[in-house]
Amino acid sequence: MSRRNFVKGALLLSAASLVCKALSALFKIPLDRFFIGPEGIAIYQSAYSIFNWMLAVGATGIPMAVSNLVADSDEETAAGIRSSALALVTGIGLLVGGLLFVFARPVAEFISEGGKSFLAIRVMAPGIAFLGVVSAYKGYFQGRGNMLPSAVSQMADSLCKVGVGLGVCALVVSGGTSVGAAGAMVGVTAGTFFGALTLIIAAKKYISVTRRPSLGLMGRIIMMSVPVTLGAAGFACIMLADTLTVQNILRWSGMTADEAAAQFGYLTRAFTVYNLPATLISAVTVSVAPASAEAYSQGDRTLLRENSVSAVKMVMFISAPCMMGVLGFHREIMELLYKGGAYSEPLMFTGILMAVIPFTQVISGILQATGCVWRPIVLLGFIVVAKAGLNFVFVPSMGASGAPLAAVIVYGVACLAYGLMFYRHLGFGLPASSILRPLAAAAGAVICGRAVYGFLSGTVGFLAAAVVTAAVYLALALAIKAVDISDLKRKKGV
């Protein structure tokens, strides 16, 4: 597979991500409904938000930086980058994981009153060490244009997380929600271990050239990975900001600790639904980055523009129906998944983010791959600070729904800023049709779906409406060229 044809790699990673997110739903939804409930899922999410930020650093940001370095390197240099990255990030993972294990209690007490997530954080800490192995090998394989090992690793991780997490939780939940949440977190740690093991096995098959780690290459990796990592951690930073602020704000507003935890649990449900398109779109960002870096370094502006437009088309093709579907059916989705449609308002606002945040992520990825490194990071810093500040405005009056509303406002402004930054840096803009056509097709499809639901209510009606909505969206998207099949067939650089 040509490294320049990022589309096929993105499709492979997206397919794997889709399966993994389905497995994740099979994990978190029954975990919430049948084992630990909203309070327990809030405890789990408090710990997982820390892991999720490290995941963005160790399994998205660093691999993207490594893949950009590897993309234009010969086999010898690429081998040195791989071994240097492996030594560097494994060492960092061991250090951070060890610190979290030792200081789990004060971290838990800072996040929420009573430090109920202490045990879950301690169980999660060893998994951070395995992320180093995952990040180094993923970056190498993706930079060489081989997305298969990353896809298989994702599958191994998810399967293990579901099986081990639910199994251990079921065995220990009688000890209380905190213990049950920690049992679920065992699955996350075990999944990360098996994901790393899968990549080690793949390395023995695909890699023949080896080199010793180099301090000079480690320095290059650090210099490139810091800004890329910060850029890749965007939504993880938002979730971490919510973890650190929402429960505390709710308690200051007069809620008890248990009531605040339950409210945060409802917000976590919305994030669970959000994560489906977010994961699919991260595959596009991961794949387009090395392709953009190569095209930019070779001065091939035509290919760079084609790749950029194709990436935005793919992002909007995935995210537009997710956003419109959630806006049109947010209550029904929560009723189907959690038997709790009354708590669907956080999901309604989160639905808007399903298109807004992925757009900013793919634009940021292209900018950083083409040399515009720090300006997206400065903008992300503004987003996180403004988001945390707006939490203090909206959460006291709106409860958990105020947190995603704050994100919608901040990211709405950020979209315009990212688009302007893209135009000024690369000298060309993105056609408005690549954004508006998928949104129009998705809106039309949801209207048809709501009409079907009007005749058939309940679960059967919702499932029928979902099928109709998907079919109409595909038909409309192809009819108005919201996505171009030639993008999927074209073999750039072959």
Protein backbone atom coordinates (compact mmCIF):
# COMPACT_ATOMS: atom_id res chain seq x y z
CA MET A 1 0.00 0.00 0.00
CA SER A 2 1.44 3.36 -1.00
CA ARG A 3 2.13 5.68 1.88
CA ARG A 4 0.63 8.49 -0.18
CA ASN A 5 -2.70 6.76 -0.57
CA PHE A 6 -3.92 7.49 2.92
CA VAL A 7 -7.58 6.78 2.09
CA LYS A 8 -7.26 3.00 2.10
CA GLY A 9 -5.32 3.09 5.35
CA ALA A 10 -7.97 5.34 6.87
CA LEU A 11 -10.71 2.96 5.76
CA LEU A 12 -8.93 -0.01 7.34
CA LEU A 13 -8.40 1.79 10.64
CA SER A 14 -11.96 3.15 10.54
CA ALA A 15 -13.38 -0.34 10.04
CA ALA A 16 -11.35 -1.64 12.97
CA SER A 17 -12.38 1.35 15.06
CA LEU A 18 -16.04 0.77 14.25
CA VAL A 19 -15.84 -2.79 15.52
CA CYS A 20 -13.88 -1.67 18.57
CA LYS A 21 -16.43 0.99 19.44
CA ALA A 22 -19.23 -1.54 19.11
CA LEU A 23 -17.31 -3.70 21.56
CA SER A 24 -16.80 -0.68 23.81
CA ALA A 25 -20.55 -0.10 23.82
CA LEU A 26 -20.98 -3.75 24.81
CA PHE A 27 -18.68 -2.94 27.71
CA LYS A 28 -19.81 0.44 29.07
CA ILE A 29 -23.56 0.19 28.52
CA PRO A 30 -24.11 -3.07 30.48
CA LEU A 31 -21.48 -1.91 32.96
CA ASP A 32 -23.67 1.13 33.63
CA ARG A 33 -27.09 -0.50 33.44
CA PHE A 34 -26.53 -3.82 35.18
CA PHE A 35 -23.45 -3.56 37.40
CA ILE A 36 -22.40 -0.19 38.84
CA GLY A 37 -24.99 2.40 37.72
CA PRO A 38 -24.48 6.16 37.15
CA GLU A 39 -22.49 6.69 40.35
CA GLY A 40 -20.17 3.78 39.61
CA ILE A 41 -19.69 4.82 36.00
CA ALA A 42 -18.77 8.31 37.24
CA ILE A 43 -16.07 6.72 39.43
CA TYR A 44 -14.86 4.64 36.48
CA GLN A 45 -14.85 7.67 34.18
CA SER A 46 -12.96 9.79 36.68
CA ALA A 47 -10.08 7.32 36.45
CA TYR A 48 -10.54 6.65 32.75
CA SER A 49 -10.35 10.38 31.89
CA ILE A 50 -6.75 10.33 33.11
CA PHE A 51 -6.06 7.18 31.11
CA ASN A 52 -7.85 8.68 28.09
CA TRP A 53 -5.58 11.70 28.16
CA MET A 54 -2.54 9.42 28.34
CA LEU A 55 -4.09 7.38 25.52
CA ALA A 56 -4.27 10.50 23.36
CA VAL A 57 -0.63 11.17 24.18
CA GLY A 58 0.67 7.62 23.93
CA ALA A 59 -1.54 6.07 21.26
CA THR A 60 -2.40 9.05 19.04
CA GLY A 61 -0.08 12.01 19.45
CA ILE A 62 3.26 10.22 19.67
CA PRO A 63 2.45 7.70 16.89
CA MET A 64 1.50 10.62 14.64
CA ALA A 65 4.81 12.34 15.37
CA VAL A 66 6.76 9.11 14.81
CA SER A 67 4.85 8.36 11.61
CA ASN A 68 5.64 11.84 10.25
CA LEU A 69 9.36 11.23 10.91
CA VAL A 70 9.28 7.73 9.45
CA ALA A 71 7.25 8.67 6.34
CA ASP A 72 10.19 10.04 4.35
CA SER A 73 12.97 7.93 5.91
CA ASP A 74 14.87 4.98 4.50
CA GLU A 75 14.71 1.61 6.28
CA GLU A 76 17.85 2.18 8.34
CA THR A 77 16.75 5.59 9.61
CA ALA A 78 13.20 4.37 10.21
CA ALA A 79 14.55 1.49 12.30
CA GLY A 80 16.52 3.93 14.44
CA ILE A 81 13.47 6.13 14.92
CA ARG A 82 11.41 3.09 15.94
CA SER A 83 13.89 1.81 18.53
CA SER A 84 14.51 5.30 19.91
CA ALA A 85 10.77 5.97 20.21
CA LEU A 86 10.26 2.62 21.90
CA ALA A 87 12.93 3.30 24.53
CA LEU A 88 11.77 6.88 25.11
CA VAL A 89 8.03 6.41 25.51
CA THR A 90 8.30 3.13 27.41
CA GLY A 91 10.48 4.89 29.94
CA ILE A 92 8.02 7.78 30.20
CA GLY A 93 5.13 5.35 30.56
CA LEU A 94 6.84 3.48 33.38
CA LEU A 95 7.59 6.76 35.18
CA VAL A 96 4.07 8.20 34.82
CA GLY A 97 2.38 4.89 35.62
CA GLY A 98 4.54 4.45 38.70
CA LEU A 99 3.77 7.97 39.96
CA LEU A 100 0.04 7.46 39.45
CA PHE A 101 0.18 4.16 41.30
CA VAL A 102 1.97 5.73 44.26
CA PHE A 103 -0.10 8.93 44.38
CA ALA A 104 -3.46 7.43 43.39
CA ARG A 105 -5.19 8.51 46.60
CA PRO A 106 -4.38 12.26 46.50
CA VAL A 107 -5.21 12.36 42.78
CA ALA A 108 -8.58 10.69 43.47
CA GLU A 109 -9.34 13.09 46.32
CA PHE A 110 -8.55 16.05 44.09
CA ILE A 111 -10.95 14.82 41.40
CA SER A 112 -13.92 14.08 43.66
CA GLU A 113 -14.89 14.25 47.30
CA GLY A 114 -13.98 11.12 49.20
CA GLY A 115 -11.50 9.90 46.57
CA LYS A 116 -13.76 7.03 45.49
CA SER A 117 -11.79 6.54 42.26
CA PHE A 118 -8.59 5.72 44.20
CA LEU A 119 -8.67 1.97 43.52
CA ALA A 120 -9.64 2.40 39.86
CA ILE A 121 -6.72 4.81 39.32
CA ARG A 122 -4.29 2.39 40.97
CA VAL A 123 -5.52 -0.50 38.79
CA MET A 124 -5.28 1.68 35.70
CA ALA A 125 -1.71 2.88 36.33
CA PRO A 126 0.16 -0.21 34.97
CA GLY A 127 -1.68 0.12 31.67
CA ILE A 128 0.03 3.44 31.01
CA ALA A 129 3.39 1.67 30.85
CA PHE A 130 2.13 -0.58 28.03
CA LEU A 131 1.01 2.47 26.03
CA GLY A 132 4.65 3.23 25.30
CA VAL A 133 5.07 0.00 23.35
CA VAL A 134 1.79 0.63 21.52
CA SER A 135 2.71 4.17 20.53
CA ALA A 136 6.18 3.37 19.19
CA TYR A 137 5.11 0.45 17.01
CA LYS A 138 1.91 2.12 15.80
CA GLY A 139 3.87 5.18 14.73
CA TYR A 140 6.37 3.06 12.83
CA PHE A 141 3.82 0.93 11.01
CA GLN A 142 1.59 3.87 10.14
CA GLY A 143 4.54 5.88 8.85
CA ARG A 144 5.46 2.98 6.54
CA GLY A 145 1.87 2.85 5.28
CA ASN A 146 1.02 -0.48 6.94
CA MET A 147 -2.18 0.04 8.95
CA LEU A 148 -2.93 -3.66 9.50
CA PRO A 149 -0.90 -4.15 12.72
CA SER A 150 -2.56 -1.10 14.29
CA ALA A 151 -6.00 -2.38 13.34
CA VAL A 152 -5.32 -5.86 14.77
CA SER A 153 -3.89 -4.32 17.94
CA GLN A 154 -7.05 -2.26 18.42
CA MET A 155 -9.18 -5.38 18.06
CA ALA A 156 -7.10 -7.35 20.58
CA ASP A 157 -7.27 -4.46 23.04
CA SER A 158 -11.07 -4.11 22.77
CA LEU A 159 -11.86 -7.80 22.96
CA CYS A 160 -9.74 -8.20 26.07
CA LYS A 161 -11.19 -5.06 27.69
CA VAL A 162 -14.76 -6.30 27.25
CA GLY A 163 -14.15 -9.88 28.34
CA VAL A 164 -11.83 -9.23 31.27
CA GLY A 165 -13.47 -5.98 32.39
CA LEU A 166 -17.04 -7.26 32.59
CA GLY A 167 -15.90 -10.59 34.04
CA VAL A 168 -13.82 -9.09 36.84
CA CYS A 169 -16.46 -6.44 37.57
CA ALA A 170 -19.14 -9.12 37.92
CA LEU A 171 -16.94 -11.02 40.36
CA VAL A 172 -16.08 -8.09 42.65
CA VAL A 173 -19.03 -5.66 42.38
CA SER A 174 -20.58 -7.09 45.55
CA GLY A 175 -17.83 -5.18 47.36
CA GLY A 176 -19.39 -1.85 46.28
CA THR A 177 -19.46 0.49 43.31
CA SER A 178 -15.87 1.67 43.83
CA VAL A 179 -14.60 -1.91 43.79
CA GLY A 180 -16.78 -2.72 40.78
CA ALA A 181 -15.40 0.29 38.88
CA ALA A 182 -11.86 -0.87 39.68
CA GLY A 183 -12.76 -4.35 38.44
CA ALA A 184 -13.91 -2.85 35.14
CA MET A 185 -10.63 -0.94 34.93
CA VAL A 186 -8.74 -4.25 35.10
CA GLY A 187 -10.10 -4.87 31.62
CA VAL A 188 -8.64 -1.59 30.35
CA THR A 189 -5.19 -2.44 31.68
CA ALA A 190 -5.34 -6.01 30.37
CA GLY A 191 -6.52 -4.78 26.97
CA THR A 192 -3.60 -2.38 26.68
CA PHE A 193 -1.18 -5.20 27.52
CA PHE A 194 -2.59 -7.49 24.82
CA GLY A 195 -2.67 -4.65 22.31
CA ALA A 196 1.04 -4.10 22.94
CA LEU A 197 1.74 -7.82 22.72
CA THR A 198 0.00 -7.99 19.33
CA LEU A 199 2.24 -5.24 17.95
CA ILE A 200 5.38 -6.95 19.27
CA ILE A 201 4.36 -10.13 17.44
CA ALA A 202 3.66 -8.10 14.26
CA ALA A 203 7.09 -6.49 14.53
CA LYS A 204 8.76 -9.91 14.40
CA LYS A 205 6.90 -10.60 11.15
CA TYR A 206 7.30 -7.28 9.32
CA ILE A 207 10.55 -5.79 10.63
CA SER A 208 13.94 -7.10 9.52
CA VAL A 209 16.17 -4.05 10.04
CA THR A 210 17.12 -3.15 13.64
CA ARG A 211 19.16 -0.31 15.11
CA ARG A 212 20.09 0.77 18.62
CA PRO A 213 18.29 3.72 20.22
CA SER A 214 19.93 7.09 19.66
CA LEU A 215 19.85 10.10 21.98
CA GLY A 216 19.85 12.36 18.95
CA LEU A 217 16.78 10.65 17.48
CA MET A 218 15.10 10.74 20.88
CA GLY A 219 15.62 14.49 20.88
CA ARG A 220 14.05 14.80 17.43
CA ILE A 221 11.09 12.70 18.53
CA ILE A 222 10.57 14.86 21.62
CA MET A 223 10.80 18.09 19.62
CA MET A 224 8.19 16.89 17.14
CA SER A 225 5.98 14.87 19.47
CA VAL A 226 5.34 17.55 22.09
CA PRO A 227 3.27 19.86 19.85
CA VAL A 228 1.68 16.98 17.92
CA THR A 229 0.80 15.24 21.18
CA LEU A 230 -0.79 18.39 22.59
CA GLY A 231 -2.80 18.80 19.40
CA ALA A 232 -3.97 15.20 19.44
CA ALA A 233 -5.10 15.46 23.05
CA GLY A 234 -7.84 17.98 22.27
CA PHE A 235 -11.02 16.20 23.26
CA ALA A 236 -9.19 14.23 25.95
CA CYS A 237 -8.26 17.60 27.49
CA ILE A 238 -11.92 18.63 27.39
CA MET A 239 -12.96 15.42 29.15
CA LEU A 240 -10.18 15.85 31.70
CA ALA A 241 -11.29 19.45 32.31
CA ASP A 242 -14.83 18.21 32.90
CA THR A 243 -13.56 15.48 35.23
CA LEU A 244 -11.67 18.06 37.28
CA THR A 245 -14.41 20.70 37.40
CA VAL A 246 -17.96 19.42 36.86
CA GLN A 247 -18.45 17.41 40.06
CA ASN A 248 -16.79 20.11 42.16
CA ILE A 249 -18.97 22.84 40.62
CA LEU A 250 -22.12 20.80 41.23
CA ARG A 251 -21.18 20.29 44.88
CA TRP A 252 -20.47 23.99 45.31
CA SER A 253 -23.91 24.63 43.81
CA GLY A 254 -25.57 22.66 46.62
CA MET A 255 -25.62 19.04 45.46
CA THR A 256 -24.42 16.20 47.63
CA ALA A 257 -21.35 14.25 46.52
CA ASP A 258 -23.56 11.31 45.42
CA GLU A 259 -25.89 13.59 43.43
CA ALA A 260 -22.94 15.27 41.71
CA ALA A 261 -21.44 11.87 40.86
CA ALA A 262 -24.75 10.72 39.38
CA GLN A 263 -24.97 13.91 37.24
CA PHE A 264 -21.43 13.30 36.01
CA GLY A 265 -22.45 9.73 35.24
CA TYR A 266 -25.20 11.04 32.93
CA LEU A 267 -22.63 13.23 31.19
CA THR A 268 -20.40 10.17 30.80
CA ARG A 269 -23.24 8.39 29.01
CA ALA A 270 -23.27 11.19 26.44
CA PHE A 271 -19.50 10.89 25.99
CA THR A 272 -19.90 7.15 25.42
CA VAL A 273 -22.18 7.82 22.44
CA TYR A 274 -19.88 10.62 21.21
CA ASN A 275 -16.87 8.32 21.07
CA LEU A 276 -18.14 6.29 18.10
CA PRO A 277 -17.60 8.90 15.35
CA ALA A 278 -14.63 10.40 17.22
CA THR A 279 -12.71 7.14 17.02
CA LEU A 280 -13.52 6.61 13.35
CA ILE A 281 -12.34 10.11 12.52
CA SER A 282 -9.09 9.76 14.45
CA ALA A 283 -8.22 7.04 11.91
CA VAL A 284 -8.53 9.62 9.12
CA THR A 285 -6.30 12.06 11.01
CA VAL A 286 -3.68 9.38 11.72
CA SER A 287 -3.62 8.33 8.06
CA VAL A 288 -3.62 11.77 6.43
CA ALA A 289 -0.77 13.17 8.58
CA PRO A 290 2.15 11.21 7.03
CA ALA A 291 0.60 11.55 3.56
CA SER A 292 0.36 15.33 4.00
CA ALA A 293 3.90 15.54 5.39
CA GLU A 294 5.28 13.67 2.37
CA ALA A 295 3.35 15.73 -0.18
CA TYR A 296 4.37 18.98 1.53
CA SER A 297 8.05 18.06 1.75
CA GLN A 298 8.08 17.20 -1.97
CA GLY A 299 6.31 20.44 -2.93
CA ASP A 300 3.39 18.55 -4.46
CA ARG A 301 0.65 21.07 -3.68
CA THR A 302 -1.85 19.36 -5.97
CA LEU A 303 -1.58 16.10 -4.05
CA LEU A 304 -1.63 17.97 -0.73
CA ARG A 305 -4.87 19.72 -1.68
CA GLU A 306 -6.45 16.46 -2.92
CA ASN A 307 -5.55 14.69 0.31
CA SER A 308 -6.83 17.57 2.44
CA VAL A 309 -10.16 17.76 0.63
CA SER A 310 -10.55 13.97 0.71
CA ALA A 311 -9.83 13.92 4.45
CA VAL A 312 -12.43 16.61 5.20
CA LYS A 313 -14.96 14.82 2.98
CA MET A 314 -14.41 11.57 4.86
CA VAL A 315 -14.63 13.31 8.24
CA MET A 316 -17.88 15.04 7.38
CA PHE A 317 -19.30 11.94 5.69
CA ILE A 318 -18.90 10.07 8.98
CA SER A 319 -19.68 12.84 11.46
CA ALA A 320 -22.59 14.67 9.78
CA PRO A 321 -25.12 11.80 10.09
CA CYS A 322 -23.94 11.12 13.65
CA MET A 323 -24.54 14.74 14.62
CA MET A 324 -27.92 15.02 12.91
CA GLY A 325 -29.00 11.61 14.15
CA VAL A 326 -28.24 12.51 17.75
CA LEU A 327 -29.99 15.87 17.43
CA GLY A 328 -33.05 14.16 16.00
CA PHE A 329 -33.14 11.09 18.25
CA HIS A 330 -31.18 11.97 21.41
CA ARG A 331 -34.02 11.04 23.74
CA GLU A 332 -34.74 7.76 21.94
CA ILE A 333 -31.04 6.81 21.90
CA MET A 334 -30.71 7.21 25.66
CA GLU A 335 -33.98 5.37 26.26
CA LEU A 336 -32.81 2.45 24.12
CA LEU A 337 -29.31 2.25 25.61
CA TYR A 338 -29.92 3.19 29.23
CA LYS A 339 -33.68 3.22 29.80
CA GLY A 340 -33.23 6.86 30.78
CA GLY A 341 -34.51 9.23 28.11
CA ALA A 342 -35.14 11.90 30.75
CA TYR A 343 -31.37 12.44 30.97
CA SER A 344 -30.81 12.96 27.24
CA GLU A 345 -30.11 16.71 27.23
CA PRO A 346 -26.31 16.31 27.68
CA LEU A 347 -26.31 14.04 24.61
CA MET A 348 -28.19 16.64 22.56
CA PHE A 349 -25.41 19.19 23.03
CA THR A 350 -22.71 16.54 22.68
CA GLY A 351 -24.24 15.62 19.32
CA ILE A 352 -23.21 18.98 17.88
CA LEU A 353 -19.63 18.28 18.93
CA MET A 354 -19.66 15.10 16.83
CA ALA A 355 -19.08 17.20 13.70
CA VAL A 356 -17.37 20.26 15.16
CA ILE A 357 -14.49 18.65 17.07
CA PRO A 358 -13.52 16.10 14.38
CA PHE A 359 -13.28 18.91 11.81
CA THR A 360 -10.85 20.81 14.02
CA GLN A 361 -8.84 17.65 14.70
CA VAL A 362 -8.26 16.77 11.05
CA ILE A 363 -7.39 20.38 10.17
CA SER A 364 -4.97 20.55 13.11
CA GLY A 365 -3.39 17.26 12.01
CA ILE A 366 -2.78 18.55 8.47
CA LEU A 367 -1.41 21.87 9.74
CA GLN A 368 1.08 20.21 12.06
CA ALA A 369 2.16 17.68 9.43
CA THR A 370 2.95 20.57 7.06
CA GLY A 371 5.05 22.62 9.46
CA CYS A 372 2.46 24.81 11.20
CA VAL A 373 3.17 23.32 14.61
CA TRP A 374 2.55 25.71 17.46
CA ARG A 375 -0.34 27.91 16.35
CA PRO A 376 -2.86 25.03 16.60
CA ILE A 377 -1.51 24.30 20.07
CA VAL A 378 -1.99 27.89 21.21
CA LEU A 379 -5.56 27.75 19.91
CA LEU A 380 -6.15 24.45 21.71
CA GLY A 381 -4.90 26.02 24.93
CA PHE A 382 -7.46 28.78 24.49
CA ILE A 383 -10.17 26.16 23.90
CA VAL A 384 -9.38 24.23 27.08
CA VAL A 385 -9.11 27.32 29.29
CA ALA A 386 -12.27 28.89 27.85
CA LYS A 387 -14.14 25.59 28.15
CA ALA A 388 -13.22 25.19 31.83
CA GLY A 389 -14.20 28.81 32.46
CA LEU A 390 -17.59 28.43 30.77
CA ASN A 391 -18.26 25.36 32.91
CA PHE A 392 -18.49 27.74 35.88
CA VAL A 393 -21.08 29.78 33.94
CA PHE A 394 -23.37 27.02 32.67
CA VAL A 395 -23.00 24.03 35.01
CA PRO A 396 -24.46 25.68 38.14
CA SER A 397 -27.74 26.50 36.37
CA MET A 398 -27.97 23.65 33.86
CA GLY A 399 -26.31 20.77 35.68
CA ALA A 400 -24.31 18.29 33.60
CA SER A 401 -25.84 19.67 30.37
CA GLY A 402 -23.89 22.88 30.85
CA ALA A 403 -20.55 21.18 30.20
CA PRO A 404 -21.19 20.10 26.59
CA LEU A 405 -22.97 23.40 25.87
CA ALA A 406 -19.79 25.21 26.93
CA ALA A 407 -17.80 22.99 24.54
CA VAL A 408 -20.20 23.75 21.66
CA ILE A 409 -19.71 27.50 22.10
CA VAL A 410 -15.93 27.32 22.36
CA TYR A 411 -15.44 24.87 19.50
CA GLY A 412 -17.85 26.78 17.26
CA VAL A 413 -15.53 29.78 17.44
CA ALA A 414 -12.47 27.52 17.11
CA CYS A 415 -13.75 26.04 13.82
CA LEU A 416 -13.60 29.46 12.17
CA ALA A 417 -10.14 30.08 13.60
CA TYR A 418 -8.79 26.72 12.38
CA GLY A 419 -10.22 27.29 8.89
CA LEU A 420 -8.57 30.72 8.66
CA MET A 421 -5.29 29.32 9.95
CA PHE A 422 -5.41 26.55 7.32
CA TYR A 423 -5.97 29.05 4.49
CA ARG A 424 -3.19 31.38 5.58
CA HIS A 425 -0.66 28.57 6.01
CA LEU A 426 -1.30 26.51 2.89
CA GLY A 427 -2.65 29.16 0.54
CA PHE A 428 -5.82 27.32 -0.38
CA GLY A 429 -9.14 26.83 1.30
CA LEU A 430 -11.48 23.89 1.58
CA PRO A 431 -14.61 23.88 -0.58
CA ALA A 432 -17.73 24.69 1.43
CA SER A 433 -19.51 21.87 -0.39
CA SER A 434 -17.33 19.29 1.39
CA ILE A 435 -18.96 20.42 4.66
CA LEU A 436 -22.43 21.55 3.61
CA ARG A 437 -23.36 18.61 1.38
CA PRO A 438 -22.96 15.90 4.07
CA LEU A 439 -24.86 18.09 6.54
CA ALA A 440 -27.69 18.60 4.04
CA ALA A 441 -27.87 14.87 3.22
CA ALA A 442 -27.86 13.98 6.93
CA ALA A 443 -30.59 16.52 7.75
CA GLY A 444 -32.81 15.15 4.97
CA ALA A 445 -32.22 11.58 6.12
CA VAL A 446 -33.11 12.37 9.74
CA ILE A 447 -36.33 14.08 8.67
CA CYS A 448 -37.30 10.89 6.83
CA GLY A 449 -36.32 8.82 9.88
CA ARG A 450 -38.47 10.95 12.19
CA ALA A 451 -41.41 10.48 9.82
CA VAL A 452 -41.01 6.71 10.05
CA TYR A 453 -40.74 6.90 13.83
CA GLY A 454 -43.99 8.83 13.89
CA PHE A 455 -45.79 5.77 12.55
CA LEU A 456 -43.88 3.12 14.54
CA SER A 457 -43.03 4.12 18.10
CA GLY A 458 -40.98 2.24 20.68
CA THR A 459 -37.85 0.20 20.11
CA VAL A 460 -39.10 -1.33 16.85
CA GLY A 461 -39.97 2.10 15.52
CA PHE A 462 -36.58 3.52 16.48
CA LEU A 463 -34.68 0.65 14.84
CA ALA A 464 -36.80 0.98 11.69
CA ALA A 465 -36.18 4.73 11.67
CA ALA A 466 -32.43 4.15 12.05
CA VAL A 467 -32.36 1.80 9.05
CA VAL A 468 -34.37 4.24 6.93
CA THR A 469 -32.18 7.16 8.01
CA ALA A 470 -28.98 5.30 7.10
CA ALA A 471 -30.34 4.20 3.71
CA VAL A 472 -31.65 7.65 2.81
CA TYR A 473 -28.40 9.27 3.91
CA LEU A 474 -26.29 7.02 1.71
CA ALA A 475 -28.59 7.65 -1.25
CA LEU A 476 -28.62 11.42 -0.75
CA ALA A 477 -24.88 11.59 -0.07
CA LEU A 478 -24.11 9.82 -3.34
CA ALA A 479 -26.74 11.79 -5.26
CA ILE A 480 -25.41 15.21 -4.23
CA LYS A 481 -21.77 14.02 -4.19
CA ALA A 482 -21.25 14.54 -0.48
CA VAL A 483 -18.65 11.81 -0.86
CA ASP A 484 -16.87 10.93 -4.09
CA ILE A 485 -16.34 7.23 -4.77
CA SER A 486 -13.33 8.16 -6.89
CA ASP A 487 -11.61 9.23 -3.66
CA LEU A 488 -11.81 5.63 -2.48
CA LYS A 489 -10.66 4.18 -5.79
CA ARG A 490 -7.83 6.61 -6.56
CA LYS A 491 -4.35 5.27 -5.90
CA LYS A 492 -2.27 8.34 -5.34
CA GLY A 493 1.39 7.93 -5.90
CA VAL A 494 1.21 4.40 -7.32
